[in-house]
PDB file of all heavy atoms in Angstrom:
ATOM      1  N   ASN A   1       2.066  -6.405  24.876  1.00  0.00           N
ATOM      2  CA  ASN A   1       1.295  -5.634  25.856  1.00  0.00           C
ATOM      3  C   ASN A   1      -0.204  -5.498  25.498  1.00  0.00           C
ATOM      4  O   ASN A   1      -0.839  -4.658  26.132  1.00  0.00           O
ATOM      5  CB  ASN A   1       1.971  -4.185  25.883  1.00  0.00           C
ATOM      6  CG  ASN A   1       3.389  -4.293  26.446  1.00  0.00           C
ATOM      7  OD1 ASN A   1       3.655  -5.093  27.328  1.00  0.00           O
ATOM      8  ND2 ASN A   1       4.254  -3.476  25.961  1.00  0.00           N
ATOM      9  N   GLY A   2      -0.644  -6.201  24.403  1.00  0.00           N
ATOM     10  CA  GLY A   2      -2.033  -6.162  24.071  1.00  0.00           C
ATOM     11  C   GLY A   2      -2.386  -5.040  23.176  1.00  0.00           C
ATOM     12  O   GLY A   2      -3.553  -4.765  22.887  1.00  0.00           O
ATOM     13  N   LYS A   3      -1.401  -4.242  22.717  1.00  0.00           N
ATOM     14  CA  LYS A   3      -1.725  -3.072  21.869  1.00  0.00           C
ATOM     15  C   LYS A   3      -1.686  -3.493  20.378  1.00  0.00           C
ATOM     16  O   LYS A   3      -1.016  -4.437  19.985  1.00  0.00           O
ATOM     17  CB  LYS A   3      -0.675  -1.974  22.063  1.00  0.00           C
ATOM     18  CG  LYS A   3      -0.758  -1.329  23.497  1.00  0.00           C
ATOM     19  CD  LYS A   3       0.047  -0.162  23.562  1.00  0.00           C
ATOM     20  CE  LYS A   3      -0.067   0.503  25.011  1.00  0.00           C
ATOM     21  NZ  LYS A   3       0.721   1.720  25.148  1.00  0.00           N
ATOM     22  N   PRO A   4      -2.566  -2.832  19.513  1.00  0.00           N
ATOM     23  CA  PRO A   4      -2.683  -3.168  18.085  1.00  0.00           C
ATOM     24  C   PRO A   4      -1.273  -3.160  17.376  1.00  0.00           C
ATOM     25  O   PRO A   4      -0.483  -2.246  17.709  1.00  0.00           O
ATOM     26  CB  PRO A   4      -3.575  -2.143  17.631  1.00  0.00           C
ATOM     27  CG  PRO A   4      -4.426  -1.748  18.772  1.00  0.00           C
ATOM     28  CD  PRO A   4      -3.486  -1.778  19.934  1.00  0.00           C
ATOM     29  N   PHE A   5      -1.115  -4.041  16.494  1.00  0.00           N
ATOM     30  CA  PHE A   5       0.128  -4.127  15.720  1.00  0.00           C
ATOM     31  C   PHE A   5      -0.259  -4.513  14.318  1.00  0.00           C
ATOM     32  O   PHE A   5      -0.656  -5.709  14.071  1.00  0.00           O
ATOM     33  CB  PHE A   5       1.039  -5.201  16.324  1.00  0.00           C
ATOM     34  CG  PHE A   5       2.427  -5.286  15.850  1.00  0.00           C
ATOM     35  CD1 PHE A   5       3.046  -4.188  15.256  1.00  0.00           C
ATOM     36  CD2 PHE A   5       3.245  -6.429  16.002  1.00  0.00           C
ATOM     37  CE1 PHE A   5       4.379  -4.190  14.795  1.00  0.00           C
ATOM     38  CE2 PHE A   5       4.491  -6.511  15.540  1.00  0.00           C
ATOM     39  CZ  PHE A   5       5.075  -5.473  14.966  1.00  0.00           C
ATOM     40  N   ILE A   6      -0.173  -3.602  13.354  1.00  0.00           N
ATOM     41  CA  ILE A   6      -0.927  -3.738  12.060  1.00  0.00           C
ATOM     42  C   ILE A   6       0.095  -3.426  10.998  1.00  0.00           C
ATOM     43  O   ILE A   6       0.923  -2.434  11.080  1.00  0.00           O
ATOM     44  CB  ILE A   6      -2.097  -2.790  11.978  1.00  0.00           C
ATOM     45  CG1 ILE A   6      -3.097  -3.166  13.136  1.00  0.00           C
ATOM     46  CG2 ILE A   6      -2.828  -2.859  10.649  1.00  0.00           C
ATOM     47  CD1 ILE A   6      -4.022  -1.972  13.463  1.00  0.00           C
ATOM     48  N   ALA A   7      -0.019  -4.121   9.861  1.00  0.00           N
ATOM     49  CA  ALA A   7       0.833  -3.781   8.690  1.00  0.00           C
ATOM     50  C   ALA A   7       0.262  -4.451   7.491  1.00  0.00           C
ATOM     51  O   ALA A   7      -0.453  -5.373   7.508  1.00  0.00           O
ATOM     52  CB  ALA A   7       2.319  -4.257   8.881  1.00  0.00           C
ATOM     53  N   ASN A   8       0.640  -3.934   6.295  1.00  0.00           N
ATOM     54  CA  ASN A   8       0.274  -4.535   5.020  1.00  0.00           C
ATOM     55  C   ASN A   8       1.456  -5.291   4.412  1.00  0.00           C
ATOM     56  O   ASN A   8       2.592  -5.019   4.684  1.00  0.00           O
ATOM     57  CB  ASN A   8      -0.186  -3.429   4.039  1.00  0.00           C
ATOM     58  CG  ASN A   8       0.968  -2.632   3.569  1.00  0.00           C
ATOM     59  OD1 ASN A   8       1.555  -1.878   4.263  1.00  0.00           O
ATOM     60  ND2 ASN A   8       1.370  -2.797   2.270  1.00  0.00           N
ATOM     61  N   SER A   9       1.150  -6.237   3.607  1.00  0.00           N
ATOM     62  CA  SER A   9       2.206  -6.925   2.673  1.00  0.00           C
ATOM     63  C   SER A   9       1.372  -7.487   1.502  1.00  0.00           C
ATOM     64  O   SER A   9       0.441  -8.176   1.668  1.00  0.00           O
ATOM     65  CB  SER A   9       2.805  -8.058   3.463  1.00  0.00           C
ATOM     66  OG  SER A   9       1.933  -8.988   4.003  1.00  0.00           O
ATOM     67  N   ASN A  10       1.830  -7.050   0.253  1.00  0.00           N
ATOM     68  CA  ASN A  10       0.994  -7.407  -0.878  1.00  0.00           C
ATOM     69  C   ASN A  10       1.682  -7.494  -2.190  1.00  0.00           C
ATOM     70  O   ASN A  10       1.159  -7.315  -3.239  1.00  0.00           O
ATOM     71  CB  ASN A  10      -0.135  -6.366  -0.996  1.00  0.00           C
ATOM     72  CG  ASN A  10       0.374  -4.946  -0.833  1.00  0.00           C
ATOM     73  OD1 ASN A  10       0.119  -4.314   0.192  1.00  0.00           O
ATOM     74  ND2 ASN A  10       1.064  -4.461  -1.779  1.00  0.00           N
ATOM     75  N   GLN A  11       3.044  -7.916  -2.138  1.00  0.00           N
ATOM     76  CA  GLN A  11       3.713  -8.135  -3.437  1.00  0.00           C
ATOM     77  C   GLN A  11       3.047  -9.268  -4.182  1.00  0.00           C
ATOM     78  O   GLN A  11       2.748 -10.312  -3.595  1.00  0.00           O
ATOM     79  CB  GLN A  11       5.211  -8.374  -3.259  1.00  0.00           C
ATOM     80  CG  GLN A  11       5.980  -8.519  -4.604  1.00  0.00           C
ATOM     81  CD  GLN A  11       7.385  -8.814  -4.428  1.00  0.00           C
ATOM     82  OE1 GLN A  11       7.835  -9.185  -3.350  1.00  0.00           O
ATOM     83  NE2 GLN A  11       8.158  -8.746  -5.543  1.00  0.00           N
ATOM     84  N   GLY A  12       2.872  -9.102  -5.457  1.00  0.00           N
ATOM     85  CA  GLY A  12       2.212 -10.163  -6.233  1.00  0.00           C
ATOM     86  C   GLY A  12       0.747 -10.023  -6.231  1.00  0.00           C
ATOM     87  O   GLY A  12       0.100  -9.831  -7.306  1.00  0.00           O
ATOM     88  N   ASP A  13       0.121 -10.060  -5.091  1.00  0.00           N
ATOM     89  CA  ASP A  13      -1.333  -9.926  -5.039  1.00  0.00           C
ATOM     90  C   ASP A  13      -1.740  -8.513  -5.420  1.00  0.00           C
ATOM     91  O   ASP A  13      -2.761  -8.300  -5.946  1.00  0.00           O
ATOM     92  CB  ASP A  13      -1.823 -10.221  -3.576  1.00  0.00           C
ATOM     93  CG  ASP A  13      -1.742 -11.784  -3.316  1.00  0.00           C
ATOM     94  OD1 ASP A  13      -2.157 -12.492  -4.221  1.00  0.00           O
ATOM     95  OD2 ASP A  13      -1.304 -12.154  -2.227  1.00  0.00           O
ATOM     96  N   GLY A  14      -0.984  -7.526  -5.045  1.00  0.00           N
ATOM     97  CA  GLY A  14      -1.237  -6.167  -5.462  1.00  0.00           C
ATOM     98  C   GLY A  14      -1.644  -5.187  -4.367  1.00  0.00           C
ATOM     99  O   GLY A  14      -2.318  -5.518  -3.470  1.00  0.00           O
ATOM    100  N   ALA A  15      -1.165  -3.931  -4.545  1.00  0.00           N
ATOM    101  CA  ALA A  15      -1.455  -2.879  -3.629  1.00  0.00           C
ATOM    102  C   ALA A  15      -2.886  -2.545  -3.612  1.00  0.00           C
ATOM    103  O   ALA A  15      -3.509  -1.997  -2.659  1.00  0.00           O
ATOM    104  CB  ALA A  15      -0.642  -1.598  -3.994  1.00  0.00           C
ATOM    105  N   SER A  16      -3.598  -2.850  -4.743  1.00  0.00           N
ATOM    106  CA  SER A  16      -5.069  -2.555  -4.908  1.00  0.00           C
ATOM    107  C   SER A  16      -5.884  -3.488  -3.967  1.00  0.00           C
ATOM    108  O   SER A  16      -7.111  -3.263  -3.934  1.00  0.00           O
ATOM    109  CB  SER A  16      -5.498  -2.656  -6.281  1.00  0.00           C
ATOM    110  OG  SER A  16      -5.275  -3.951  -6.802  1.00  0.00           O
ATOM    111  N   MET A  17      -5.204  -4.334  -3.147  1.00  0.00           N
ATOM    112  CA  MET A  17      -5.912  -5.040  -2.147  1.00  0.00           C
ATOM    113  C   MET A  17      -6.475  -4.086  -0.955  1.00  0.00           C
ATOM    114  O   MET A  17      -7.397  -4.346  -0.406  1.00  0.00           O
ATOM    115  CB  MET A  17      -5.068  -6.057  -1.489  1.00  0.00           C
ATOM    116  CG  MET A  17      -4.621  -7.215  -2.476  1.00  0.00           C
ATOM    117  SD  MET A  17      -3.718  -8.485  -1.531  1.00  0.00           S
ATOM    118  CE  MET A  17      -5.077  -9.397  -0.723  1.00  0.00           C
ATOM    119  N   TRP A  18      -5.739  -3.002  -0.889  1.00  0.00           N
ATOM    120  CA  TRP A  18      -6.096  -2.053   0.210  1.00  0.00           C
ATOM    121  C   TRP A  18      -6.131  -0.559  -0.126  1.00  0.00           C
ATOM    122  O   TRP A  18      -6.673   0.245   0.673  1.00  0.00           O
ATOM    123  CB  TRP A  18      -5.174  -2.252   1.462  1.00  0.00           C
ATOM    124  CG  TRP A  18      -3.749  -1.900   1.287  1.00  0.00           C
ATOM    125  CD1 TRP A  18      -2.750  -2.577   0.707  1.00  0.00           C
ATOM    126  CD2 TRP A  18      -3.119  -0.669   1.776  1.00  0.00           C
ATOM    127  NE1 TRP A  18      -1.589  -1.931   0.703  1.00  0.00           N
ATOM    128  CE2 TRP A  18      -1.741  -0.798   1.400  1.00  0.00           C
ATOM    129  CE3 TRP A  18      -3.575   0.439   2.460  1.00  0.00           C
ATOM    130  CZ2 TRP A  18      -0.843   0.255   1.687  1.00  0.00           C
ATOM    131  CZ3 TRP A  18      -2.677   1.426   2.767  1.00  0.00           C
ATOM    132  CH2 TRP A  18      -1.296   1.349   2.377  1.00  0.00           C
ATOM    133  N   TRP A  19      -5.676  -0.239  -1.362  1.00  0.00           N
ATOM    134  CA  TRP A  19      -5.880   1.159  -1.771  1.00  0.00           C
ATOM    135  C   TRP A  19      -5.904   1.235  -3.278  1.00  0.00           C
ATOM    136  O   TRP A  19      -5.310   0.417  -4.013  1.00  0.00           O
ATOM    137  CB  TRP A  19      -4.768   2.087  -1.267  1.00  0.00           C
ATOM    138  CG  TRP A  19      -3.349   1.756  -1.690  1.00  0.00           C
ATOM    139  CD1 TRP A  19      -2.497   0.746  -1.176  1.00  0.00           C
ATOM    140  CD2 TRP A  19      -2.507   2.480  -2.615  1.00  0.00           C
ATOM    141  NE1 TRP A  19      -1.272   0.722  -1.747  1.00  0.00           N
ATOM    142  CE2 TRP A  19      -1.253   1.846  -2.624  1.00  0.00           C
ATOM    143  CE3 TRP A  19      -2.716   3.590  -3.449  1.00  0.00           C
ATOM    144  CZ2 TRP A  19      -0.214   2.236  -3.440  1.00  0.00           C
ATOM    145  CZ3 TRP A  19      -1.637   4.006  -4.223  1.00  0.00           C
ATOM    146  CH2 TRP A  19      -0.465   3.392  -4.226  1.00  0.00           C
ATOM    147  N   PRO A  20      -6.749   2.073  -3.879  1.00  0.00           N
ATOM    148  CA  PRO A  20      -6.959   2.226  -5.309  1.00  0.00           C
ATOM    149  C   PRO A  20      -5.793   2.790  -6.004  1.00  0.00           C
ATOM    150  O   PRO A  20      -5.297   3.879  -5.557  1.00  0.00           O
ATOM    151  CB  PRO A  20      -8.234   3.109  -5.418  1.00  0.00           C
ATOM    152  CG  PRO A  20      -8.232   3.951  -4.200  1.00  0.00           C
ATOM    153  CD  PRO A  20      -7.563   3.101  -3.087  1.00  0.00           C
ATOM    154  N   CYS A  21      -5.385   2.221  -7.115  1.00  0.00           N
ATOM    155  CA  CYS A  21      -4.208   2.715  -7.725  1.00  0.00           C
ATOM    156  C   CYS A  21      -4.078   2.192  -9.175  1.00  0.00           C
ATOM    157  O   CYS A  21      -4.953   1.389  -9.590  1.00  0.00           O
ATOM    158  CB  CYS A  21      -2.908   2.300  -6.993  1.00  0.00           C
ATOM    159  SG  CYS A  21      -2.786   0.511  -6.720  1.00  0.00           S
ATOM    160  N   LYS A  22      -3.074   2.544  -9.874  1.00  0.00           N
ATOM    161  CA  LYS A  22      -2.706   1.964 -11.175  1.00  0.00           C
ATOM    162  C   LYS A  22      -1.839   0.792 -10.790  1.00  0.00           C
ATOM    163  O   LYS A  22      -0.666   0.907 -10.665  1.00  0.00           O
ATOM    164  CB  LYS A  22      -1.958   3.008 -12.053  1.00  0.00           C
ATOM    165  CG  LYS A  22      -1.687   2.512 -13.468  1.00  0.00           C
ATOM    166  CD  LYS A  22      -1.010   3.645 -14.232  1.00  0.00           C
ATOM    167  CE  LYS A  22      -0.968   3.352 -15.773  1.00  0.00           C
ATOM    168  NZ  LYS A  22      -0.298   4.467 -16.516  1.00  0.00           N
ATOM    169  N   ASP A  23      -2.416  -0.387 -10.657  1.00  0.00           N
ATOM    170  CA  ASP A  23      -1.741  -1.518 -10.015  1.00  0.00           C
ATOM    171  C   ASP A  23      -1.028  -2.385 -11.071  1.00  0.00           C
ATOM    172  O   ASP A  23      -1.343  -3.570 -11.242  1.00  0.00           O
ATOM    173  CB  ASP A  23      -2.736  -2.332  -9.230  1.00  0.00           C
ATOM    174  CG  ASP A  23      -2.071  -3.121  -8.101  1.00  0.00           C
ATOM    175  OD1 ASP A  23      -0.831  -3.061  -8.040  1.00  0.00           O
ATOM    176  OD2 ASP A  23      -2.741  -3.854  -7.324  1.00  0.00           O
ATOM    177  N   HIS A  24      -0.053  -1.755 -11.652  1.00  0.00           N
ATOM    178  CA  HIS A  24       0.862  -2.461 -12.589  1.00  0.00           C
ATOM    179  C   HIS A  24       2.268  -1.909 -12.366  1.00  0.00           C
ATOM    180  O   HIS A  24       2.462  -0.700 -12.223  1.00  0.00           O
ATOM    181  CB  HIS A  24       0.396  -2.285 -14.023  1.00  0.00           C
ATOM    182  CG  HIS A  24       1.125  -3.233 -14.988  1.00  0.00           C
ATOM    183  ND1 HIS A  24       2.469  -3.151 -15.301  1.00  0.00           N
ATOM    184  CD2 HIS A  24       0.719  -4.353 -15.656  1.00  0.00           C
ATOM    185  CE1 HIS A  24       2.787  -4.175 -16.137  1.00  0.00           C
ATOM    186  NE2 HIS A  24       1.680  -4.863 -16.381  1.00  0.00           N
ATOM    187  N   MET A  25       3.274  -2.797 -12.440  1.00  0.00           N
ATOM    188  CA  MET A  25       4.644  -2.394 -11.998  1.00  0.00           C
ATOM    189  C   MET A  25       5.323  -1.502 -13.045  1.00  0.00           C
ATOM    190  O   MET A  25       6.352  -0.906 -12.715  1.00  0.00           O
ATOM    191  CB  MET A  25       5.432  -3.604 -11.724  1.00  0.00           C
ATOM    192  CG  MET A  25       4.943  -4.437 -10.534  1.00  0.00           C
ATOM    193  SD  MET A  25       5.238  -3.636  -8.988  1.00  0.00           S
ATOM    194  CE  MET A  25       6.996  -3.816  -8.766  1.00  0.00           C
ATOM    195  N   TYR A  26       4.810  -1.419 -14.289  1.00  0.00           N
ATOM    196  CA  TYR A  26       5.518  -0.717 -15.261  1.00  0.00           C
ATOM    197  C   TYR A  26       5.613   0.812 -15.065  1.00  0.00           C
ATOM    198  O   TYR A  26       6.469   1.545 -15.547  1.00  0.00           O
ATOM    199  CB  TYR A  26       5.007  -0.976 -16.727  1.00  0.00           C
ATOM    200  CG  TYR A  26       3.834  -0.066 -17.126  1.00  0.00           C
ATOM    201  CD1 TYR A  26       4.119   1.036 -17.986  1.00  0.00           C
ATOM    202  CD2 TYR A  26       2.550  -0.252 -16.658  1.00  0.00           C
ATOM    203  CE1 TYR A  26       3.060   1.831 -18.411  1.00  0.00           C
ATOM    204  CE2 TYR A  26       1.547   0.578 -17.029  1.00  0.00           C
ATOM    205  CZ  TYR A  26       1.785   1.581 -17.949  1.00  0.00           C
ATOM    206  OH  TYR A  26       0.711   2.448 -18.267  1.00  0.00           O
ATOM    207  N   ASP A  27       4.605   1.391 -14.301  1.00  0.00           N
ATOM    208  CA  ASP A  27       4.484   2.760 -14.076  1.00  0.00           C
ATOM    209  C   ASP A  27       4.511   3.067 -12.596  1.00  0.00           C
ATOM    210  O   ASP A  27       3.846   2.462 -11.771  1.00  0.00           O
ATOM    211  CB  ASP A  27       3.210   3.243 -14.648  1.00  0.00           C
ATOM    212  CG  ASP A  27       3.101   4.743 -14.898  1.00  0.00           C
ATOM    213  OD1 ASP A  27       4.180   5.387 -14.685  1.00  0.00           O
ATOM    214  OD2 ASP A  27       2.071   5.265 -15.285  1.00  0.00           O
ATOM    215  N   GLU A  28       5.345   4.103 -12.232  1.00  0.00           N
ATOM    216  CA  GLU A  28       5.511   4.497 -10.884  1.00  0.00           C
ATOM    217  C   GLU A  28       5.324   6.013 -10.812  1.00  0.00           C
ATOM    218  O   GLU A  28       5.657   6.751 -11.660  1.00  0.00           O
ATOM    219  CB  GLU A  28       6.960   4.170 -10.296  1.00  0.00           C
ATOM    220  CG  GLU A  28       7.271   2.719 -10.308  1.00  0.00           C
ATOM    221  CD  GLU A  28       8.670   2.407  -9.768  1.00  0.00           C
ATOM    222  OE1 GLU A  28       9.434   3.443  -9.577  1.00  0.00           O
ATOM    223  OE2 GLU A  28       9.047   1.224  -9.565  1.00  0.00           O
ATOM    224  N   PRO A  29       4.689   6.470  -9.681  1.00  0.00           N
ATOM    225  CA  PRO A  29       4.629   7.930  -9.494  1.00  0.00           C
ATOM    226  C   PRO A  29       6.028   8.513  -9.194  1.00  0.00           C
ATOM    227  O   PRO A  29       6.906   7.758  -8.672  1.00  0.00           O
ATOM    228  CB  PRO A  29       3.776   8.086  -8.270  1.00  0.00           C
ATOM    229  CG  PRO A  29       3.980   6.852  -7.460  1.00  0.00           C
ATOM    230  CD  PRO A  29       4.185   5.718  -8.548  1.00  0.00           C
ATOM    231  N   ASP A  30       6.254   9.765  -9.548  1.00  0.00           N
ATOM    232  CA  ASP A  30       7.560  10.376  -9.296  1.00  0.00           C
ATOM    233  C   ASP A  30       7.785  10.693  -7.869  1.00  0.00           C
ATOM    234  O   ASP A  30       8.880  10.761  -7.378  1.00  0.00           O
ATOM    235  CB  ASP A  30       7.672  11.683 -10.099  1.00  0.00           C
ATOM    236  CG  ASP A  30       7.505  11.376 -11.659  1.00  0.00           C
ATOM    237  OD1 ASP A  30       8.011  10.415 -12.097  1.00  0.00           O
ATOM    238  OD2 ASP A  30       6.846  12.220 -12.344  1.00  0.00           O
ATOM    239  N   SER A  31       6.623  10.819  -7.119  1.00  0.00           N
ATOM    240  CA  SER A  31       6.634  11.061  -5.667  1.00  0.00           C
ATOM    241  C   SER A  31       5.339  10.738  -5.144  1.00  0.00           C
ATOM    242  O   SER A  31       4.360  10.511  -5.849  1.00  0.00           O
ATOM    243  CB  SER A  31       6.998  12.560  -5.376  1.00  0.00           C
ATOM    244  OG  SER A  31       6.044  13.421  -5.892  1.00  0.00           O
ATOM    245  N   MET A  32       5.255  10.669  -3.789  1.00  0.00           N
ATOM    246  CA  MET A  32       4.046  10.278  -3.103  1.00  0.00           C
ATOM    247  C   MET A  32       3.932  10.806  -1.670  1.00  0.00           C
ATOM    248  O   MET A  32       4.968  10.775  -0.970  1.00  0.00           O
ATOM    249  CB  MET A  32       3.958   8.731  -3.137  1.00  0.00           C
ATOM    250  CG  MET A  32       2.657   8.168  -2.534  1.00  0.00           C
ATOM    251  SD  MET A  32       2.555   6.352  -2.725  1.00  0.00           S
ATOM    252  CE  MET A  32       0.924   6.059  -2.030  1.00  0.00           C
ATOM    253  N   LEU A  33       2.735  11.181  -1.306  1.00  0.00           N
ATOM    254  CA  LEU A  33       2.397  11.610   0.033  1.00  0.00           C
ATOM    255  C   LEU A  33       1.472  10.590   0.631  1.00  0.00           C
ATOM    256  O   LEU A  33       0.411  10.274   0.019  1.00  0.00           O
ATOM    257  CB  LEU A  33       1.823  13.018   0.049  1.00  0.00           C
ATOM    258  CG  LEU A  33       1.370  13.514   1.381  1.00  0.00           C
ATOM    259  CD1 LEU A  33       2.519  13.638   2.412  1.00  0.00           C
ATOM    260  CD2 LEU A  33       0.649  14.851   1.290  1.00  0.00           C
ATOM    261  N   MET A  34       1.719  10.087   1.851  1.00  0.00           N
ATOM    262  CA  MET A  34       0.849   9.175   2.526  1.00  0.00           C
ATOM    263  C   MET A  34       0.427   9.838   3.844  1.00  0.00           C
ATOM    264  O   MET A  34       1.260  10.215   4.666  1.00  0.00           O
ATOM    265  CB  MET A  34       1.533   7.845   2.835  1.00  0.00           C
ATOM    266  CG  MET A  34       1.832   6.999   1.591  1.00  0.00           C
ATOM    267  SD  MET A  34       3.302   6.021   1.785  1.00  0.00           S
ATOM    268  CE  MET A  34       4.502   7.256   1.415  1.00  0.00           C
ATOM    269  N   SER A  35      -0.877  10.022   3.981  1.00  0.00           N
ATOM    270  CA  SER A  35      -1.453  10.609   5.200  1.00  0.00           C
ATOM    271  C   SER A  35      -2.263   9.502   5.901  1.00  0.00           C
ATOM    272  O   SER A  35      -3.287   9.118   5.329  1.00  0.00           O
ATOM    273  CB  SER A  35      -2.351  11.809   4.921  1.00  0.00           C
ATOM    274  OG  SER A  35      -1.601  12.773   4.228  1.00  0.00           O
ATOM    275  N   VAL A  36      -1.866   9.043   7.010  1.00  0.00           N
ATOM    276  CA  VAL A  36      -2.444   7.818   7.677  1.00  0.00           C
ATOM    277  C   VAL A  36      -2.946   8.193   9.046  1.00  0.00           C
ATOM    278  O   VAL A  36      -2.208   8.645   9.888  1.00  0.00           O
ATOM    279  CB  VAL A  36      -1.436   6.665   7.772  1.00  0.00           C
ATOM    280  CG1 VAL A  36      -2.115   5.461   8.267  1.00  0.00           C
ATOM    281  CG2 VAL A  36      -0.829   6.434   6.384  1.00  0.00           C
ATOM    282  N   ASN A  37      -4.254   8.008   9.153  1.00  0.00           N
ATOM    283  CA  ASN A  37      -4.926   8.380  10.405  1.00  0.00           C
ATOM    284  C   ASN A  37      -5.069   7.140  11.330  1.00  0.00           C
ATOM    285  O   ASN A  37      -5.599   6.149  10.881  1.00  0.00           O
ATOM    286  CB  ASN A  37      -6.299   8.941  10.172  1.00  0.00           C
ATOM    287  CG  ASN A  37      -7.038   9.366  11.391  1.00  0.00           C
ATOM    288  OD1 ASN A  37      -7.889   8.632  11.836  1.00  0.00           O
ATOM    289  ND2 ASN A  37      -6.728  10.480  11.944  1.00  0.00           N
TER     290      ASN A  37
END
């Protein structure tokens, strides 16, 4: 219908392609809030 259709995919290349983080798999946050405008 011509409407935007957007998503990320970044395994291997890293989440830090689009958001700043501790970009190594050994450490994970216990929880997370995502606010997306």
